[in-house]
């Protein structure tokens, strides 16, 4: 059995079949060529954002979809170091290390110096910084390991087949749990509040 996205159509470059199911119960479904629904929202224009749903593997790794990768200019086809930010519960943000990493490291060094001088508030801030910011890497095969801490932050520690939403936009990749995304959709935005 081949995995989802591995089969290619003879007429098209996009994958055309997804293999979904448990052992002994496999179903074949047409695989969307674009986005969540299979069709771009606006076929006449491109967008600086892309979003897909992906399933984590048994080791807690995500394979970043090519549609999301293509929306991110800094994410090369080679191994890339990223700044991982455990943002709101259920949301992880990936930024380019080259642009943002040194700023975090500079603040860390300042807090270490202040905490070493007996500043209790600096020690608390250092603990927060160490919990919130991490260095990670996206491998050449587009995989990113979230580890147990990432799974816990997304609320996926006990999920059998965890799935997340991955959105790419200009300088960032956002990984969202279903619960976070659902809450975000319910909250809405003034910019789209007058739409159906």
C-alpha atoms as a PDB file:
ATOM      1  CA  UNK A   1       0.000   0.000   0.000  1.00  0.00           C
ATOM      2  CA  UNK A   2       1.345   3.443  -0.887  1.00  0.00           C
ATOM      3  CA  UNK A   3       0.855   6.432   1.376  1.00  0.00           C
ATOM      4  CA  UNK A   4      -1.351   9.417   0.636  1.00  0.00           C
ATOM      5  CA  UNK A   5       0.192  11.755  -1.865  1.00  0.00           C
ATOM      6  CA  UNK A   6       2.581   9.209  -3.398  1.00  0.00           C
ATOM      7  CA  UNK A   7       0.518   8.194  -6.395  1.00  0.00           C
ATOM      8  CA  UNK A   8       0.675  10.517  -9.416  1.00  0.00           C
ATOM      9  CA  UNK A   9      -1.795  10.963 -12.204  1.00  0.00           C
ATOM     10  CA  UNK A  10      -0.460  10.311 -15.706  1.00  0.00           C
ATOM     11  CA  UNK A  11      -1.924  13.612 -16.907  1.00  0.00           C
ATOM     12  CA  UNK A  12      -1.219  15.744 -13.838  1.00  0.00           C
ATOM     13  CA  UNK A  13       1.675  16.343 -11.483  1.00  0.00           C
ATOM     14  CA  UNK A  14      -0.574  16.578  -8.399  1.00  0.00           C
ATOM     15  CA  UNK A  15      -1.306  13.448  -6.366  1.00  0.00           C
ATOM     16  CA  UNK A  16      -4.669  11.989  -7.279  1.00  0.00           C
ATOM     17  CA  UNK A  17      -5.388   9.378  -4.620  1.00  0.00           C
ATOM     18  CA  UNK A  18      -5.294   9.375  -0.860  1.00  0.00           C
ATOM     19  CA  UNK A  19      -5.195   6.084   1.015  1.00  0.00           C
ATOM     20  CA  UNK A  20      -7.216   6.471   4.198  1.00  0.00           C
ATOM     21  CA  UNK A  21      -8.108   3.880   6.814  1.00  0.00           C
ATOM     22  CA  UNK A  22      -6.938   1.288   9.262  1.00  0.00           C
ATOM     23  CA  UNK A  23      -5.312  -2.021   8.420  1.00  0.00           C
ATOM     24  CA  UNK A  24      -7.930  -4.257   6.838  1.00  0.00           C
ATOM     25  CA  UNK A  25     -10.217  -1.301   6.080  1.00  0.00           C
ATOM     26  CA  UNK A  26      -8.683   0.927   3.421  1.00  0.00           C
ATOM     27  CA  UNK A  27     -10.647   3.470   1.415  1.00  0.00           C
ATOM     28  CA  UNK A  28      -9.521   5.434  -1.644  1.00  0.00           C
ATOM     29  CA  UNK A  29     -10.590   9.046  -2.007  1.00  0.00           C
ATOM     30  CA  UNK A  30      -9.712  11.672  -4.603  1.00  0.00           C
ATOM     31  CA  UNK A  31      -6.952  13.806  -3.090  1.00  0.00           C
ATOM     32  CA  UNK A  32      -7.499  17.568  -3.262  1.00  0.00           C
ATOM     33  CA  UNK A  33      -5.186  19.394  -5.643  1.00  0.00           C
ATOM     34  CA  UNK A  34      -5.457  22.683  -3.748  1.00  0.00           C
ATOM     35  CA  UNK A  35      -6.308  23.630  -0.185  1.00  0.00           C
ATOM     36  CA  UNK A  36      -8.801  21.994   2.128  1.00  0.00           C
ATOM     37  CA  UNK A  37     -11.712  21.708  -0.324  1.00  0.00           C
ATOM     38  CA  UNK A  38      -9.641  20.774  -3.350  1.00  0.00           C
ATOM     39  CA  UNK A  39     -10.365  24.043  -5.156  1.00  0.00           C
ATOM     40  CA  UNK A  40      -8.734  27.434  -4.714  1.00  0.00           C
ATOM     41  CA  UNK A  41     -11.061  30.100  -3.332  1.00  0.00           C
ATOM     42  CA  UNK A  42     -10.146  32.418  -6.205  1.00  0.00           C
ATOM     43  CA  UNK A  43      -9.012  30.541  -9.316  1.00  0.00           C
ATOM     44  CA  UNK A  44      -8.098  33.863 -10.992  1.00  0.00           C
ATOM     45  CA  UNK A  45      -5.633  35.014  -8.342  1.00  0.00           C
ATOM     46  CA  UNK A  46      -2.931  33.747  -6.066  1.00  0.00           C
ATOM     47  CA  UNK A  47      -2.795  34.259  -2.319  1.00  0.00           C
ATOM     48  CA  UNK A  48       0.068  34.857   0.112  1.00  0.00           C
ATOM     49  CA  UNK A  49      -1.481  32.269   2.453  1.00  0.00           C
ATOM     50  CA  UNK A  50      -2.034  28.516   2.221  1.00  0.00           C
ATOM     51  CA  UNK A  51      -3.628  26.072   4.638  1.00  0.00           C
ATOM     52  CA  UNK A  52      -3.743  22.271   4.816  1.00  0.00           C
ATOM     53  CA  UNK A  53      -4.687  19.550   7.280  1.00  0.00           C
ATOM     54  CA  UNK A  54      -1.951  17.026   8.049  1.00  0.00           C
ATOM     55  CA  UNK A  55      -1.670  13.932  10.203  1.00  0.00           C
ATOM     56  CA  UNK A  56       1.307  13.532  12.507  1.00  0.00           C
ATOM     57  CA  UNK A  57       3.256  10.309  12.235  1.00  0.00           C
ATOM     58  CA  UNK A  58       3.774   7.886  15.121  1.00  0.00           C
ATOM     59  CA  UNK A  59       6.889   9.810  16.227  1.00  0.00           C
ATOM     60  CA  UNK A  60       5.120  13.194  16.485  1.00  0.00           C
ATOM     61  CA  UNK A  61       6.501  14.544  13.215  1.00  0.00           C
ATOM     62  CA  UNK A  62       4.711  16.718  10.703  1.00  0.00           C
ATOM     63  CA  UNK A  63       5.463  16.677   7.006  1.00  0.00           C
ATOM     64  CA  UNK A  64       4.878  20.223   5.799  1.00  0.00           C
ATOM     65  CA  UNK A  65       2.646  20.265   2.712  1.00  0.00           C
ATOM     66  CA  UNK A  66       4.163  21.607  -0.508  1.00  0.00           C
ATOM     67  CA  UNK A  67       1.306  24.120  -0.836  1.00  0.00           C
ATOM     68  CA  UNK A  68       2.261  25.648   2.516  1.00  0.00           C
ATOM     69  CA  UNK A  69       5.987  25.482   1.735  1.00  0.00           C
ATOM     70  CA  UNK A  70       5.453  27.343  -1.538  1.00  0.00           C
ATOM     71  CA  UNK A  71       3.787  30.219   0.363  1.00  0.00           C
ATOM     72  CA  UNK A  72       6.935  30.625   2.494  1.00  0.00           C
ATOM     73  CA  UNK A  73       9.872  32.192   0.673  1.00  0.00           C
ATOM     74  CA  UNK A  74      12.497  31.599   3.378  1.00  0.00           C
ATOM     75  CA  UNK A  75      11.769  27.905   3.764  1.00  0.00           C
ATOM     76  CA  UNK A  76      14.258  26.422   1.322  1.00  0.00           C
ATOM     77  CA  UNK A  77      14.326  22.919  -0.084  1.00  0.00           C
ATOM     78  CA  UNK A  78      17.236  22.167   2.215  1.00  0.00           C
ATOM     79  CA  UNK A  79      17.416  21.684   5.968  1.00  0.00           C
ATOM     80  CA  UNK A  80      16.258  24.916   7.614  1.00  0.00           C
ATOM     81  CA  UNK A  81      16.603  26.076  11.226  1.00  0.00           C
ATOM     82  CA  UNK A  82      13.436  27.643  12.639  1.00  0.00           C
ATOM     83  CA  UNK A  83      12.381  29.512  15.751  1.00  0.00           C
ATOM     84  CA  UNK A  84       9.503  27.585  17.343  1.00  0.00           C
ATOM     85  CA  UNK A  85       7.153  29.681  19.467  1.00  0.00           C
ATOM     86  CA  UNK A  86       4.637  28.012  21.768  1.00  0.00           C
ATOM     87  CA  UNK A  87       2.087  30.751  21.379  1.00  0.00           C
ATOM     88  CA  UNK A  88      -1.464  30.473  22.662  1.00  0.00           C
ATOM     89  CA  UNK A  89      -2.583  27.025  23.814  1.00  0.00           C
ATOM     90  CA  UNK A  90      -3.245  25.007  20.649  1.00  0.00           C
ATOM     91  CA  UNK A  91      -1.091  27.230  18.408  1.00  0.00           C
ATOM     92  CA  UNK A  92       2.601  26.949  17.477  1.00  0.00           C
ATOM     93  CA  UNK A  93       4.346  29.498  15.243  1.00  0.00           C
ATOM     94  CA  UNK A  94       7.469  28.821  13.168  1.00  0.00           C
ATOM     95  CA  UNK A  95       9.637  31.759  12.105  1.00  0.00           C
ATOM     96  CA  UNK A  96      12.960  31.935  10.245  1.00  0.00           C
ATOM     97  CA  UNK A  97      15.800  31.576  12.746  1.00  0.00           C
ATOM     98  CA  UNK A  98      18.012  33.934  10.723  1.00  0.00           C
ATOM     99  CA  UNK A  99      15.516  36.799  11.166  1.00  0.00           C
ATOM    100  CA  UNK A 100      14.324  36.249  14.748  1.00  0.00           C
ATOM    101  CA  UNK A 101      16.594  33.814  16.589  1.00  0.00           C
ATOM    102  CA  UNK A 102      19.347  36.207  17.626  1.00  0.00           C
ATOM    103  CA  UNK A 103      16.828  38.604  19.204  1.00  0.00           C
ATOM    104  CA  UNK A 104      15.553  35.806  21.445  1.00  0.00           C
ATOM    105  CA  UNK A 105      19.105  34.696  22.327  1.00  0.00           C
ATOM    106  CA  UNK A 106      20.109  38.272  23.219  1.00  0.00           C
ATOM    107  CA  UNK A 107      17.155  38.632  25.575  1.00  0.00           C
ATOM    108  CA  UNK A 108      17.954  35.225  27.092  1.00  0.00           C
ATOM    109  CA  UNK A 109      21.532  36.289  27.814  1.00  0.00           C
ATOM    110  CA  UNK A 110      20.291  39.504  29.474  1.00  0.00           C
ATOM    111  CA  UNK A 111      17.857  37.552  31.661  1.00  0.00           C
ATOM    112  CA  UNK A 112      20.535  35.047  32.643  1.00  0.00           C
ATOM    113  CA  UNK A 113      22.795  37.912  33.732  1.00  0.00           C
ATOM    114  CA  UNK A 114      19.978  39.595  35.714  1.00  0.00           C
ATOM    115  CA  UNK A 115      18.871  36.316  37.309  1.00  0.00           C
ATOM    116  CA  UNK A 116      22.460  35.582  38.310  1.00  0.00           C
ATOM    117  CA  UNK A 117      22.477  38.901  40.137  1.00  0.00           C
ATOM    118  CA  UNK A 118      19.564  37.814  42.318  1.00  0.00           C
ATOM    119  CA  UNK A 119      16.679  39.321  40.327  1.00  0.00           C
ATOM    120  CA  UNK A 120      13.728  36.956  41.041  1.00  0.00           C
ATOM    121  CA  UNK A 121      11.542  38.552  38.342  1.00  0.00           C
ATOM    122  CA  UNK A 122      14.295  37.978  35.763  1.00  0.00           C
ATOM    123  CA  UNK A 123      14.417  34.320  36.792  1.00  0.00           C
ATOM    124  CA  UNK A 124      10.654  33.979  36.228  1.00  0.00           C
ATOM    125  CA  UNK A 125      10.993  35.734  32.862  1.00  0.00           C
ATOM    126  CA  UNK A 126      13.848  33.394  31.915  1.00  0.00           C
ATOM    127  CA  UNK A 127      11.698  30.372  32.745  1.00  0.00           C
ATOM    128  CA  UNK A 128       8.914  31.808  30.559  1.00  0.00           C
ATOM    129  CA  UNK A 129      11.329  32.472  27.692  1.00  0.00           C
ATOM    130  CA  UNK A 130      12.794  28.950  27.928  1.00  0.00           C
ATOM    131  CA  UNK A 131       9.285  27.464  27.876  1.00  0.00           C
ATOM    132  CA  UNK A 132       7.995  29.587  25.007  1.00  0.00           C
ATOM    133  CA  UNK A 133      10.912  29.708  22.527  1.00  0.00           C
ATOM    134  CA  UNK A 134      12.783  26.770  20.992  1.00  0.00           C
ATOM    135  CA  UNK A 135      15.139  26.094  18.124  1.00  0.00           C
ATOM    136  CA  UNK A 136      14.001  23.462  15.659  1.00  0.00           C
ATOM    137  CA  UNK A 137      14.734  22.281  12.176  1.00  0.00           C
ATOM    138  CA  UNK A 138      12.750  21.419   9.116  1.00  0.00           C
ATOM    139  CA  UNK A 139      14.550  18.529   7.416  1.00  0.00           C
ATOM    140  CA  UNK A 140      15.096  18.259   3.671  1.00  0.00           C
ATOM    141  CA  UNK A 141      12.139  15.884   3.443  1.00  0.00           C
ATOM    142  CA  UNK A 142       9.916  18.709   4.886  1.00  0.00           C
ATOM    143  CA  UNK A 143       9.508  16.952   8.266  1.00  0.00           C
ATOM    144  CA  UNK A 144       9.432  18.789  11.568  1.00  0.00           C
ATOM    145  CA  UNK A 145       9.475  17.002  14.910  1.00  0.00           C
ATOM    146  CA  UNK A 146       7.235  18.586  17.534  1.00  0.00           C
ATOM    147  CA  UNK A 147       8.272  16.305  20.375  1.00  0.00           C
ATOM    148  CA  UNK A 148       6.219  15.644  23.476  1.00  0.00           C
ATOM    149  CA  UNK A 149       6.245  19.295  24.570  1.00  0.00           C
ATOM    150  CA  UNK A 150       4.789  20.402  21.230  1.00  0.00           C
ATOM    151  CA  UNK A 151       2.130  17.698  21.313  1.00  0.00           C
ATOM    152  CA  UNK A 152       1.145  18.719  24.845  1.00  0.00           C
ATOM    153  CA  UNK A 153       0.951  22.390  23.835  1.00  0.00           C
ATOM    154  CA  UNK A 154      -1.366  21.483  20.955  1.00  0.00           C
ATOM    155  CA  UNK A 155      -3.462  19.253  23.248  1.00  0.00           C
ATOM    156  CA  UNK A 156      -2.596  16.124  21.233  1.00  0.00           C
ATOM    157  CA  UNK A 157      -0.729  14.052  23.830  1.00  0.00           C
ATOM    158  CA  UNK A 158      -3.313  11.244  23.905  1.00  0.00           C
ATOM    159  CA  UNK A 159      -4.609  11.405  20.325  1.00  0.00           C
ATOM    160  CA  UNK A 160      -4.457   8.152  18.342  1.00  0.00           C
ATOM    161  CA  UNK A 161      -4.066   9.784  14.902  1.00  0.00           C
ATOM    162  CA  UNK A 162      -3.423  13.435  15.667  1.00  0.00           C
ATOM    163  CA  UNK A 163      -4.206  15.938  12.930  1.00  0.00           C
ATOM    164  CA  UNK A 164      -3.407  19.632  12.812  1.00  0.00           C
ATOM    165  CA  UNK A 165      -4.057  22.586  10.559  1.00  0.00           C
ATOM    166  CA  UNK A 166      -0.946  24.117   9.046  1.00  0.00           C
ATOM    167  CA  UNK A 167      -1.102  27.605   7.561  1.00  0.00           C
ATOM    168  CA  UNK A 168       1.723  29.367   5.764  1.00  0.00           C
ATOM    169  CA  UNK A 169       1.778  33.119   5.308  1.00  0.00           C
ATOM    170  CA  UNK A 170       4.696  35.286   4.141  1.00  0.00           C
ATOM    171  CA  UNK A 171       7.175  34.938   7.041  1.00  0.00           C
ATOM    172  CA  UNK A 172       5.545  32.319   9.260  1.00  0.00           C
ATOM    173  CA  UNK A 173       4.030  28.878   9.515  1.00  0.00           C
ATOM    174  CA  UNK A 174       1.230  28.438  12.040  1.00  0.00           C
ATOM    175  CA  UNK A 175       0.360  24.987  13.389  1.00  0.00           C
ATOM    176  CA  UNK A 176      -3.103  24.872  14.972  1.00  0.00           C
ATOM    177  CA  UNK A 177      -5.038  22.221  16.824  1.00  0.00           C
ATOM    178  CA  UNK A 178      -8.611  21.624  15.672  1.00  0.00           C
ATOM    179  CA  UNK A 179      -9.908  23.155  18.901  1.00  0.00           C
ATOM    180  CA  UNK A 180      -7.840  26.335  18.455  1.00  0.00           C
ATOM    181  CA  UNK A 181      -8.945  26.709  14.826  1.00  0.00           C
ATOM    182  CA  UNK A 182     -12.604  26.124  15.733  1.00  0.00           C
ATOM    183  CA  UNK A 183     -12.398  28.782  18.456  1.00  0.00           C
ATOM    184  CA  UNK A 184     -10.775  31.189  15.983  1.00  0.00           C
ATOM    185  CA  UNK A 185     -13.546  30.595  13.442  1.00  0.00           C
ATOM    186  CA  UNK A 186     -16.258  31.209  16.052  1.00  0.00           C
ATOM    187  CA  UNK A 187     -14.558  34.419  17.160  1.00  0.00           C
ATOM    188  CA  UNK A 188     -14.423  35.726  13.602  1.00  0.00           C
ATOM    189  CA  UNK A 189     -13.088  39.085  12.472  1.00  0.00           C
ATOM    190  CA  UNK A 190     -14.514  42.520  11.775  1.00  0.00           C
ATOM    191  CA  UNK A 191     -12.943  42.361   8.296  1.00  0.00           C
ATOM    192  CA  UNK A 192     -15.259  39.499   7.269  1.00  0.00           C
ATOM    193  CA  UNK A 193     -18.219  40.052   9.627  1.00  0.00           C
ATOM    194  CA  UNK A 194     -20.464  41.424   6.850  1.00  0.00           C
ATOM    195  CA  UNK A 195     -19.907  38.356   4.609  1.00  0.00           C
ATOM    196  CA  UNK A 196     -22.361  35.445   4.577  1.00  0.00           C
END
